[in-house]
ModelCIF file with pLDDT and N, C-alpha, C, O atoms, coordinates in Angstrom:
data_MODEL
#
_entry.id   MODEL 
#
_entity.id                         1 
_entity.type                       polymer 
_entity.pdbx_number_of_molecules   1 
#
_entity_poly.entity_id                      1 
_entity_poly.type                           'polypeptide(L)' 
_entity_poly.nstd_linkage                   no 
_entity_poly.nstd_monomer                   no 
_entity_poly.pdbx_seq_one_letter_code       RPNRTRSARARHTHATALLRAAVRLEVASELLTHGSVQTTM 
_entity_poly.pdbx_seq_one_letter_code_can   RPNRTRSARARHTHATALLRAAVRLEVASELLTHGSVQTTM 
_entity_poly.pdbx_strand_id                 A 
#
loop_
_entity_poly_seq.entity_id 
_entity_poly_seq.num 
_entity_poly_seq.mon_id 
_entity_poly_seq.hetero 
1 1  ARG n 
1 2  PRO n 
1 3  ASN n 
1 4  ARG n 
1 5  THR n 
1 6  ARG n 
1 7  SER n 
1 8  ALA n 
1 9  ARG n 
1 10 ALA n 
1 11 ARG n 
1 12 HIS n 
1 13 THR n 
1 14 HIS n 
1 15 ALA n 
1 16 THR n 
1 17 ALA n 
1 18 LEU n 
1 19 LEU n 
1 20 ARG n 
1 21 ALA n 
1 22 ALA n 
1 23 VAL n 
1 24 ARG n 
1 25 LEU n 
1 26 GLU n 
1 27 VAL n 
1 28 ALA n 
1 29 SER n 
1 30 GLU n 
1 31 LEU n 
1 32 LEU n 
1 33 THR n 
1 34 HIS n 
1 35 GLY n 
1 36 SER n 
1 37 VAL n 
1 38 GLN n 
1 39 THR n 
1 40 THR n 
1 41 MET n 
#
_struct_asym.id          A 
_struct_asym.entity_id   1 
#
loop_
_ma_qa_metric.id 
_ma_qa_metric.mode 
_ma_qa_metric.name 
_ma_qa_metric.software_group_id 
_ma_qa_metric.type 
1 global pLDDT . pLDDT 
2 local  pLDDT . pLDDT 
#
_ma_qa_metric_global.metric_id      1 
_ma_qa_metric_global.metric_value   86.71 
_ma_qa_metric_global.model_id       1 
_ma_qa_metric_global.ordinal_id     1 
#
loop_
_ma_qa_metric_local.label_asym_id 
_ma_qa_metric_local.label_comp_id 
_ma_qa_metric_local.label_seq_id 
_ma_qa_metric_local.metric_id 
_ma_qa_metric_local.metric_value 
_ma_qa_metric_local.model_id 
_ma_qa_metric_local.ordinal_id 
A ARG 1  2 62.00 1 1  
A PRO 2  2 64.00 1 2  
A ASN 3  2 71.00 1 3  
A ARG 4  2 72.00 1 4  
A THR 5  2 78.00 1 5  
A ARG 6  2 79.00 1 6  
A SER 7  2 83.00 1 7  
A ALA 8  2 83.00 1 8  
A ARG 9  2 86.00 1 9  
A ALA 10 2 88.00 1 10 
A ARG 11 2 87.00 1 11 
A HIS 12 2 88.00 1 12 
A THR 13 2 90.00 1 13 
A HIS 14 2 91.00 1 14 
A ALA 15 2 92.00 1 15 
A THR 16 2 89.00 1 16 
A ALA 17 2 90.00 1 17 
A LEU 18 2 90.00 1 18 
A LEU 19 2 86.00 1 19 
A ARG 20 2 82.00 1 20 
A ALA 21 2 85.00 1 21 
A ALA 22 2 83.00 1 22 
A VAL 23 2 89.00 1 23 
A ARG 24 2 89.00 1 24 
A LEU 25 2 88.00 1 25 
A GLU 26 2 91.00 1 26 
A VAL 27 2 93.00 1 27 
A ALA 28 2 92.00 1 28 
A SER 29 2 93.00 1 29 
A GLU 30 2 94.00 1 30 
A LEU 31 2 93.00 1 31 
A LEU 32 2 93.00 1 32 
A THR 33 2 93.00 1 33 
A HIS 34 2 92.00 1 34 
A GLY 35 2 93.00 1 35 
A SER 36 2 92.00 1 36 
A VAL 37 2 90.00 1 37 
A GLN 38 2 91.00 1 38 
A THR 39 2 92.00 1 39 
A THR 40 2 90.00 1 40 
A MET 41 2 88.00 1 41 
#
loop_
_atom_site.group_PDB 
_atom_site.id 
_atom_site.type_symbol 
_atom_site.label_atom_id 
_atom_site.label_alt_id 
_atom_site.label_comp_id 
_atom_site.label_asym_id 
_atom_site.label_entity_id 
_atom_site.label_seq_id 
_atom_site.pdbx_PDB_ins_code 
_atom_site.Cartn_x 
_atom_site.Cartn_y 
_atom_site.Cartn_z 
_atom_site.occupancy 
_atom_site.B_iso_or_equiv 
_atom_site.pdbx_formal_charge 
_atom_site.auth_seq_id 
_atom_site.auth_comp_id 
_atom_site.auth_asym_id 
_atom_site.auth_atom_id 
_atom_site.pdbx_PDB_model_num 
ATOM 1   N N  . ARG A 1 1  ? -33.991 -96.647 -13.775 1.00 62.00 ? 1  ARG A N  1 
ATOM 2   C CA . ARG A 1 1  ? -33.288 -96.734 -12.529 1.00 62.00 ? 1  ARG A CA 1 
ATOM 3   C C  . ARG A 1 1  ? -31.957 -96.287 -12.745 1.00 62.00 ? 1  ARG A C  1 
ATOM 4   O O  . ARG A 1 1  ? -31.479 -96.591 -13.838 1.00 62.00 ? 1  ARG A O  1 
ATOM 5   N N  . PRO A 1 2  ? -31.327 -95.712 -12.052 1.00 64.00 ? 2  PRO A N  1 
ATOM 6   C CA . PRO A 1 2  ? -29.982 -95.456 -11.990 1.00 64.00 ? 2  PRO A CA 1 
ATOM 7   C C  . PRO A 1 2  ? -29.165 -96.846 -11.906 1.00 64.00 ? 2  PRO A C  1 
ATOM 8   O O  . PRO A 1 2  ? -29.562 -97.840 -11.297 1.00 64.00 ? 2  PRO A O  1 
ATOM 9   N N  . ASN A 1 3  ? -27.907 -96.740 -12.651 1.00 71.00 ? 3  ASN A N  1 
ATOM 10  C CA . ASN A 1 3  ? -26.939 -97.832 -12.697 1.00 71.00 ? 3  ASN A CA 1 
ATOM 11  C C  . ASN A 1 3  ? -26.098 -97.714 -11.296 1.00 71.00 ? 3  ASN A C  1 
ATOM 12  O O  . ASN A 1 3  ? -25.331 -96.756 -11.198 1.00 71.00 ? 3  ASN A O  1 
ATOM 13  N N  . ARG A 1 4  ? -26.185 -98.483 -10.387 1.00 72.00 ? 4  ARG A N  1 
ATOM 14  C CA . ARG A 1 4  ? -25.236 -98.344 -9.377  1.00 72.00 ? 4  ARG A CA 1 
ATOM 15  C C  . ARG A 1 4  ? -23.892 -98.553 -9.782  1.00 72.00 ? 4  ARG A C  1 
ATOM 16  O O  . ARG A 1 4  ? -22.976 -98.044 -9.137  1.00 72.00 ? 4  ARG A O  1 
ATOM 17  N N  . THR A 1 5  ? -23.671 -99.292 -10.844 1.00 78.00 ? 5  THR A N  1 
ATOM 18  C CA . THR A 1 5  ? -22.344 -99.766 -11.190 1.00 78.00 ? 5  THR A CA 1 
ATOM 19  C C  . THR A 1 5  ? -21.587 -98.646 -12.111 1.00 78.00 ? 5  THR A C  1 
ATOM 20  O O  . THR A 1 5  ? -20.386 -98.386 -12.181 1.00 78.00 ? 5  THR A O  1 
ATOM 21  N N  . ARG A 1 6  ? -22.565 -98.143 -12.709 1.00 79.00 ? 6  ARG A N  1 
ATOM 22  C CA . ARG A 1 6  ? -22.022 -97.230 -13.570 1.00 79.00 ? 6  ARG A CA 1 
ATOM 23  C C  . ARG A 1 6  ? -21.463 -95.791 -12.766 1.00 79.00 ? 6  ARG A C  1 
ATOM 24  O O  . ARG A 1 6  ? -20.378 -95.247 -12.972 1.00 79.00 ? 6  ARG A O  1 
ATOM 25  N N  . SER A 1 7  ? -22.425 -95.388 -11.889 1.00 83.00 ? 7  SER A N  1 
ATOM 26  C CA . SER A 1 7  ? -22.228 -94.210 -11.244 1.00 83.00 ? 7  SER A CA 1 
ATOM 27  C C  . SER A 1 7  ? -20.940 -94.481 -10.459 1.00 83.00 ? 7  SER A C  1 
ATOM 28  O O  . SER A 1 7  ? -20.055 -93.640 -10.614 1.00 83.00 ? 7  SER A O  1 
ATOM 29  N N  . ALA A 1 8  ? -20.628 -95.733 -9.467  1.00 83.00 ? 8  ALA A N  1 
ATOM 30  C CA . ALA A 1 8  ? -19.450 -96.153 -9.001  1.00 83.00 ? 8  ALA A CA 1 
ATOM 31  C C  . ALA A 1 8  ? -18.231 -95.874 -9.932  1.00 83.00 ? 8  ALA A C  1 
ATOM 32  O O  . ALA A 1 8  ? -17.439 -94.954 -9.727  1.00 83.00 ? 8  ALA A O  1 
ATOM 33  N N  . ARG A 1 9  ? -18.171 -96.513 -10.693 1.00 86.00 ? 9  ARG A N  1 
ATOM 34  C CA . ARG A 1 9  ? -17.105 -96.043 -11.843 1.00 86.00 ? 9  ARG A CA 1 
ATOM 35  C C  . ARG A 1 9  ? -17.027 -94.728 -12.062 1.00 86.00 ? 9  ARG A C  1 
ATOM 36  O O  . ARG A 1 9  ? -15.897 -94.279 -11.872 1.00 86.00 ? 9  ARG A O  1 
ATOM 37  N N  . ALA A 1 10 ? -17.863 -93.929 -12.408 1.00 88.00 ? 10 ALA A N  1 
ATOM 38  C CA . ALA A 1 10 ? -17.685 -92.619 -12.662 1.00 88.00 ? 10 ALA A CA 1 
ATOM 39  C C  . ALA A 1 10 ? -16.994 -91.976 -11.422 1.00 88.00 ? 10 ALA A C  1 
ATOM 40  O O  . ALA A 1 10 ? -16.040 -91.198 -11.445 1.00 88.00 ? 10 ALA A O  1 
ATOM 41  N N  . ARG A 1 11 ? -17.704 -92.483 -10.265 1.00 87.00 ? 11 ARG A N  1 
ATOM 42  C CA . ARG A 1 11 ? -16.853 -91.531 -9.238  1.00 87.00 ? 11 ARG A CA 1 
ATOM 43  C C  . ARG A 1 11 ? -15.491 -91.945 -8.800  1.00 87.00 ? 11 ARG A C  1 
ATOM 44  O O  . ARG A 1 11 ? -14.722 -91.249 -8.137  1.00 87.00 ? 11 ARG A O  1 
ATOM 45  N N  . HIS A 1 12 ? -15.247 -93.314 -9.300  1.00 88.00 ? 12 HIS A N  1 
ATOM 46  C CA . HIS A 1 12 ? -13.578 -93.626 -9.115  1.00 88.00 ? 12 HIS A CA 1 
ATOM 47  C C  . HIS A 1 12 ? -12.705 -93.158 -10.237 1.00 88.00 ? 12 HIS A C  1 
ATOM 48  O O  . HIS A 1 12 ? -11.475 -93.125 -10.279 1.00 88.00 ? 12 HIS A O  1 
ATOM 49  N N  . THR A 1 13 ? -13.601 -92.798 -11.155 1.00 90.00 ? 13 THR A N  1 
ATOM 50  C CA . THR A 1 13 ? -12.777 -92.223 -12.420 1.00 90.00 ? 13 THR A CA 1 
ATOM 51  C C  . THR A 1 13 ? -12.603 -90.484 -11.974 1.00 90.00 ? 13 THR A C  1 
ATOM 52  O O  . THR A 1 13 ? -11.493 -89.952 -12.009 1.00 90.00 ? 13 THR A O  1 
ATOM 53  N N  . HIS A 1 14 ? -13.482 -89.951 -11.685 1.00 91.00 ? 14 HIS A N  1 
ATOM 54  C CA . HIS A 1 14 ? -13.278 -88.702 -10.927 1.00 91.00 ? 14 HIS A CA 1 
ATOM 55  C C  . HIS A 1 14 ? -12.322 -88.571 -9.947  1.00 91.00 ? 14 HIS A C  1 
ATOM 56  O O  . HIS A 1 14 ? -11.430 -87.723 -9.938  1.00 91.00 ? 14 HIS A O  1 
ATOM 57  N N  . ALA A 1 15 ? -12.549 -89.544 -9.003  1.00 92.00 ? 15 ALA A N  1 
ATOM 58  C CA . ALA A 1 15 ? -11.164 -89.726 -7.784  1.00 92.00 ? 15 ALA A CA 1 
ATOM 59  C C  . ALA A 1 15 ? -10.202 -89.712 -8.536  1.00 92.00 ? 15 ALA A C  1 
ATOM 60  O O  . ALA A 1 15 ? -9.654  -88.623 -8.703  1.00 92.00 ? 15 ALA A O  1 
ATOM 61  N N  . THR A 1 16 ? -9.650  -90.948 -9.267  1.00 89.00 ? 16 THR A N  1 
ATOM 62  C CA . THR A 1 16 ? -8.458  -91.080 -9.907  1.00 89.00 ? 16 THR A CA 1 
ATOM 63  C C  . THR A 1 16 ? -7.978  -89.583 -10.750 1.00 89.00 ? 16 THR A C  1 
ATOM 64  O O  . THR A 1 16 ? -6.819  -89.194 -10.607 1.00 89.00 ? 16 THR A O  1 
ATOM 65  N N  . ALA A 1 17 ? -8.746  -88.961 -11.439 1.00 90.00 ? 17 ALA A N  1 
ATOM 66  C CA . ALA A 1 17 ? -8.228  -87.835 -12.157 1.00 90.00 ? 17 ALA A CA 1 
ATOM 67  C C  . ALA A 1 17 ? -8.043  -86.817 -11.164 1.00 90.00 ? 17 ALA A C  1 
ATOM 68  O O  . ALA A 1 17 ? -7.083  -86.046 -11.162 1.00 90.00 ? 17 ALA A O  1 
ATOM 69  N N  . LEU A 1 18 ? -8.945  -86.819 -10.341 1.00 90.00 ? 18 LEU A N  1 
ATOM 70  C CA . LEU A 1 18 ? -8.341  -85.597 -9.273  1.00 90.00 ? 18 LEU A CA 1 
ATOM 71  C C  . LEU A 1 18 ? -7.116  -85.716 -8.594  1.00 90.00 ? 18 LEU A C  1 
ATOM 72  O O  . LEU A 1 18 ? -6.403  -84.747 -8.331  1.00 90.00 ? 18 LEU A O  1 
ATOM 73  N N  . LEU A 1 19 ? -6.829  -86.988 -8.277  1.00 86.00 ? 19 LEU A N  1 
ATOM 74  C CA . LEU A 1 19 ? -5.562  -87.335 -7.701  1.00 86.00 ? 19 LEU A CA 1 
ATOM 75  C C  . LEU A 1 19 ? -4.395  -87.270 -8.679  1.00 86.00 ? 19 LEU A C  1 
ATOM 76  O O  . LEU A 1 19 ? -3.279  -86.850 -8.373  1.00 86.00 ? 19 LEU A O  1 
ATOM 77  N N  . ARG A 1 20 ? -4.763  -87.742 -9.938  1.00 82.00 ? 20 ARG A N  1 
ATOM 78  C CA . ARG A 1 20 ? -3.616  -87.774 -11.028 1.00 82.00 ? 20 ARG A CA 1 
ATOM 79  C C  . ARG A 1 20 ? -3.217  -85.967 -11.288 1.00 82.00 ? 20 ARG A C  1 
ATOM 80  O O  . ARG A 1 20 ? -2.066  -85.618 -11.550 1.00 82.00 ? 20 ARG A O  1 
ATOM 81  N N  . ALA A 1 21 ? -3.985  -85.304 -11.203 1.00 85.00 ? 21 ALA A N  1 
ATOM 82  C CA . ALA A 1 21 ? -3.907  -83.845 -11.466 1.00 85.00 ? 21 ALA A CA 1 
ATOM 83  C C  . ALA A 1 21 ? -3.120  -83.123 -10.443 1.00 85.00 ? 21 ALA A C  1 
ATOM 84  O O  . ALA A 1 21 ? -2.734  -81.959 -10.547 1.00 85.00 ? 21 ALA A O  1 
ATOM 85  N N  . ALA A 1 22 ? -2.881  -84.062 -9.265  1.00 83.00 ? 22 ALA A N  1 
ATOM 86  C CA . ALA A 1 22 ? -1.829  -83.586 -8.004  1.00 83.00 ? 22 ALA A CA 1 
ATOM 87  C C  . ALA A 1 22 ? -2.962  -82.620 -7.177  1.00 83.00 ? 22 ALA A C  1 
ATOM 88  O O  . ALA A 1 22 ? -2.516  -81.640 -6.580  1.00 83.00 ? 22 ALA A O  1 
ATOM 89  N N  . VAL A 1 23 ? -4.316  -82.869 -7.140  1.00 89.00 ? 23 VAL A N  1 
ATOM 90  C CA . VAL A 1 23 ? -5.074  -81.848 -6.302  1.00 89.00 ? 23 VAL A CA 1 
ATOM 91  C C  . VAL A 1 23 ? -4.820  -82.345 -5.172  1.00 89.00 ? 23 VAL A C  1 
ATOM 92  O O  . VAL A 1 23 ? -4.418  -83.483 -4.928  1.00 89.00 ? 23 VAL A O  1 
ATOM 93  N N  . ARG A 1 24 ? -5.144  -81.161 -4.175  1.00 89.00 ? 24 ARG A N  1 
ATOM 94  C CA . ARG A 1 24 ? -4.713  -81.466 -2.888  1.00 89.00 ? 24 ARG A CA 1 
ATOM 95  C C  . ARG A 1 24 ? -6.001  -82.534 -2.028  1.00 89.00 ? 24 ARG A C  1 
ATOM 96  O O  . ARG A 1 24 ? -7.212  -82.390 -2.196  1.00 89.00 ? 24 ARG A O  1 
ATOM 97  N N  . LEU A 1 25 ? -5.531  -83.297 -1.361  1.00 88.00 ? 25 LEU A N  1 
ATOM 98  C CA . LEU A 1 25 ? -6.044  -84.489 -0.848  1.00 88.00 ? 25 LEU A CA 1 
ATOM 99  C C  . LEU A 1 25 ? -7.297  -83.808 -0.289  1.00 88.00 ? 25 LEU A C  1 
ATOM 100 O O  . LEU A 1 25 ? -8.434  -84.211 -0.536  1.00 88.00 ? 25 LEU A O  1 
ATOM 101 N N  . GLU A 1 26 ? -7.020  -82.772 0.464   1.00 91.00 ? 26 GLU A N  1 
ATOM 102 C CA . GLU A 1 26 ? -8.314  -82.080 1.328   1.00 91.00 ? 26 GLU A CA 1 
ATOM 103 C C  . GLU A 1 26 ? -9.406  -81.582 0.019   1.00 91.00 ? 26 GLU A C  1 
ATOM 104 O O  . GLU A 1 26 ? -10.615 -81.807 -0.045  1.00 91.00 ? 26 GLU A O  1 
ATOM 105 N N  . VAL A 1 27 ? -8.601  -80.891 -0.903  1.00 93.00 ? 27 VAL A N  1 
ATOM 106 C CA . VAL A 1 27 ? -10.009 -80.410 -1.717  1.00 93.00 ? 27 VAL A CA 1 
ATOM 107 C C  . VAL A 1 27 ? -10.502 -81.819 -2.665  1.00 93.00 ? 27 VAL A C  1 
ATOM 108 O O  . VAL A 1 27 ? -11.694 -81.825 -2.974  1.00 93.00 ? 27 VAL A O  1 
ATOM 109 N N  . ALA A 1 28 ? -9.795  -82.805 -3.059  1.00 92.00 ? 28 ALA A N  1 
ATOM 110 C CA . ALA A 1 28 ? -10.462 -83.978 -3.361  1.00 92.00 ? 28 ALA A CA 1 
ATOM 111 C C  . ALA A 1 28 ? -11.482 -84.441 -2.567  1.00 92.00 ? 28 ALA A C  1 
ATOM 112 O O  . ALA A 1 28 ? -12.639 -84.471 -2.987  1.00 92.00 ? 28 ALA A O  1 
ATOM 113 N N  . SER A 1 29 ? -11.142 -84.846 -1.337  1.00 93.00 ? 29 SER A N  1 
ATOM 114 C CA . SER A 1 29 ? -11.987 -85.152 -0.413  1.00 93.00 ? 29 SER A CA 1 
ATOM 115 C C  . SER A 1 29 ? -13.453 -84.496 0.007   1.00 93.00 ? 29 SER A C  1 
ATOM 116 O O  . SER A 1 29 ? -14.532 -84.968 0.365   1.00 93.00 ? 29 SER A O  1 
ATOM 117 N N  . GLU A 1 30 ? -12.973 -83.273 -0.203  1.00 94.00 ? 30 GLU A N  1 
ATOM 118 C CA . GLU A 1 30 ? -14.147 -82.469 -0.235  1.00 94.00 ? 30 GLU A CA 1 
ATOM 119 C C  . GLU A 1 30 ? -15.219 -82.325 -1.595  1.00 94.00 ? 30 GLU A C  1 
ATOM 120 O O  . GLU A 1 30 ? -16.447 -82.245 -1.553  1.00 94.00 ? 30 GLU A O  1 
ATOM 121 N N  . LEU A 1 31 ? -14.467 -82.320 -2.611  1.00 93.00 ? 31 LEU A N  1 
ATOM 122 C CA . LEU A 1 31 ? -14.925 -82.816 -4.001  1.00 93.00 ? 31 LEU A CA 1 
ATOM 123 C C  . LEU A 1 31 ? -16.067 -83.953 -4.143  1.00 93.00 ? 31 LEU A C  1 
ATOM 124 O O  . LEU A 1 31 ? -17.165 -83.812 -4.681  1.00 93.00 ? 31 LEU A O  1 
ATOM 125 N N  . LEU A 1 32 ? -15.416 -85.398 -3.383  1.00 93.00 ? 32 LEU A N  1 
ATOM 126 C CA . LEU A 1 32 ? -16.116 -86.234 -3.426  1.00 93.00 ? 32 LEU A CA 1 
ATOM 127 C C  . LEU A 1 32 ? -16.890 -86.765 -2.386  1.00 93.00 ? 32 LEU A C  1 
ATOM 128 O O  . LEU A 1 32 ? -17.334 -87.895 -2.179  1.00 93.00 ? 32 LEU A O  1 
ATOM 129 N N  . THR A 1 33 ? -16.977 -85.356 -1.577  1.00 93.00 ? 33 THR A N  1 
ATOM 130 C CA . THR A 1 33 ? -17.974 -85.210 -0.387  1.00 93.00 ? 33 THR A CA 1 
ATOM 131 C C  . THR A 1 33 ? -17.729 -86.620 0.582   1.00 93.00 ? 33 THR A C  1 
ATOM 132 O O  . THR A 1 33 ? -18.632 -87.364 0.967   1.00 93.00 ? 33 THR A O  1 
ATOM 133 N N  . HIS A 1 34 ? -16.642 -86.737 0.792   1.00 92.00 ? 34 HIS A N  1 
ATOM 134 C CA . HIS A 1 34 ? -16.011 -87.858 1.919   1.00 92.00 ? 34 HIS A CA 1 
ATOM 135 C C  . HIS A 1 34 ? -15.998 -87.023 3.168   1.00 92.00 ? 34 HIS A C  1 
ATOM 136 O O  . HIS A 1 34 ? -15.699 -85.829 3.177   1.00 92.00 ? 34 HIS A O  1 
ATOM 137 N N  . GLY A 1 35 ? -16.435 -87.924 4.515   1.00 93.00 ? 35 GLY A N  1 
ATOM 138 C CA . GLY A 1 35 ? -16.579 -87.084 5.600   1.00 93.00 ? 35 GLY A CA 1 
ATOM 139 C C  . GLY A 1 35 ? -15.309 -86.570 6.375   1.00 93.00 ? 35 GLY A C  1 
ATOM 140 O O  . GLY A 1 35 ? -15.223 -85.733 7.273   1.00 93.00 ? 35 GLY A O  1 
ATOM 141 N N  . SER A 1 36 ? -14.142 -87.497 5.613   1.00 92.00 ? 36 SER A N  1 
ATOM 142 C CA . SER A 1 36 ? -12.710 -86.845 6.089   1.00 92.00 ? 36 SER A CA 1 
ATOM 143 C C  . SER A 1 36 ? -11.656 -87.211 5.005   1.00 92.00 ? 36 SER A C  1 
ATOM 144 O O  . SER A 1 36 ? -11.830 -87.994 4.071   1.00 92.00 ? 36 SER A O  1 
ATOM 145 N N  . VAL A 1 37 ? -10.583 -86.537 5.281   1.00 90.00 ? 37 VAL A N  1 
ATOM 146 C CA . VAL A 1 37 ? -9.498  -86.916 4.420   1.00 90.00 ? 37 VAL A CA 1 
ATOM 147 C C  . VAL A 1 37 ? -9.452  -88.156 4.703   1.00 90.00 ? 37 VAL A C  1 
ATOM 148 O O  . VAL A 1 37 ? -9.727  -88.860 3.732   1.00 90.00 ? 37 VAL A O  1 
ATOM 149 N N  . GLN A 1 38 ? -9.185  -88.781 5.765   1.00 91.00 ? 38 GLN A N  1 
ATOM 150 C CA . GLN A 1 38 ? -8.789  -90.534 6.001   1.00 91.00 ? 38 GLN A CA 1 
ATOM 151 C C  . GLN A 1 38 ? -9.575  -91.166 5.257   1.00 91.00 ? 38 GLN A C  1 
ATOM 152 O O  . GLN A 1 38 ? -9.123  -92.181 4.727   1.00 91.00 ? 38 GLN A O  1 
ATOM 153 N N  . THR A 1 39 ? -10.953 -90.785 4.987   1.00 92.00 ? 39 THR A N  1 
ATOM 154 C CA . THR A 1 39 ? -11.764 -91.809 4.179   1.00 92.00 ? 39 THR A CA 1 
ATOM 155 C C  . THR A 1 39 ? -11.348 -91.858 2.736   1.00 92.00 ? 39 THR A C  1 
ATOM 156 O O  . THR A 1 39 ? -11.382 -92.886 2.058   1.00 92.00 ? 39 THR A O  1 
ATOM 157 N N  . THR A 1 40 ? -10.895 -90.504 2.249   1.00 90.00 ? 40 THR A N  1 
ATOM 158 C CA . THR A 1 40 ? -10.310 -90.346 0.866   1.00 90.00 ? 40 THR A CA 1 
ATOM 159 C C  . THR A 1 40 ? -8.984  -91.353 1.020   1.00 90.00 ? 40 THR A C  1 
ATOM 160 O O  . THR A 1 40 ? -8.940  -92.289 0.222   1.00 90.00 ? 40 THR A O  1 
ATOM 161 N N  . MET A 1 41 ? -8.360  -91.280 1.580   1.00 88.00 ? 41 MET A N  1 
ATOM 162 C CA . MET A 1 41 ? -6.840  -91.867 1.631   1.00 88.00 ? 41 MET A CA 1 
ATOM 163 C C  . MET A 1 41 ? -7.019  -93.381 2.037   1.00 88.00 ? 41 MET A C  1 
ATOM 164 O O  . MET A 1 41 ? -6.034  -94.109 2.160   1.00 88.00 ? 41 MET A O  1 
#
């Protein structure tokens, strides 16, 4: 079974890395498959 905690941590790490890299919020939101930029914010 997939470890949900591990997946959530990996997703958060990925999001943090995107934002640290100054990736535009619109691009980060799309890569994270959020429904809107507001969700990412």
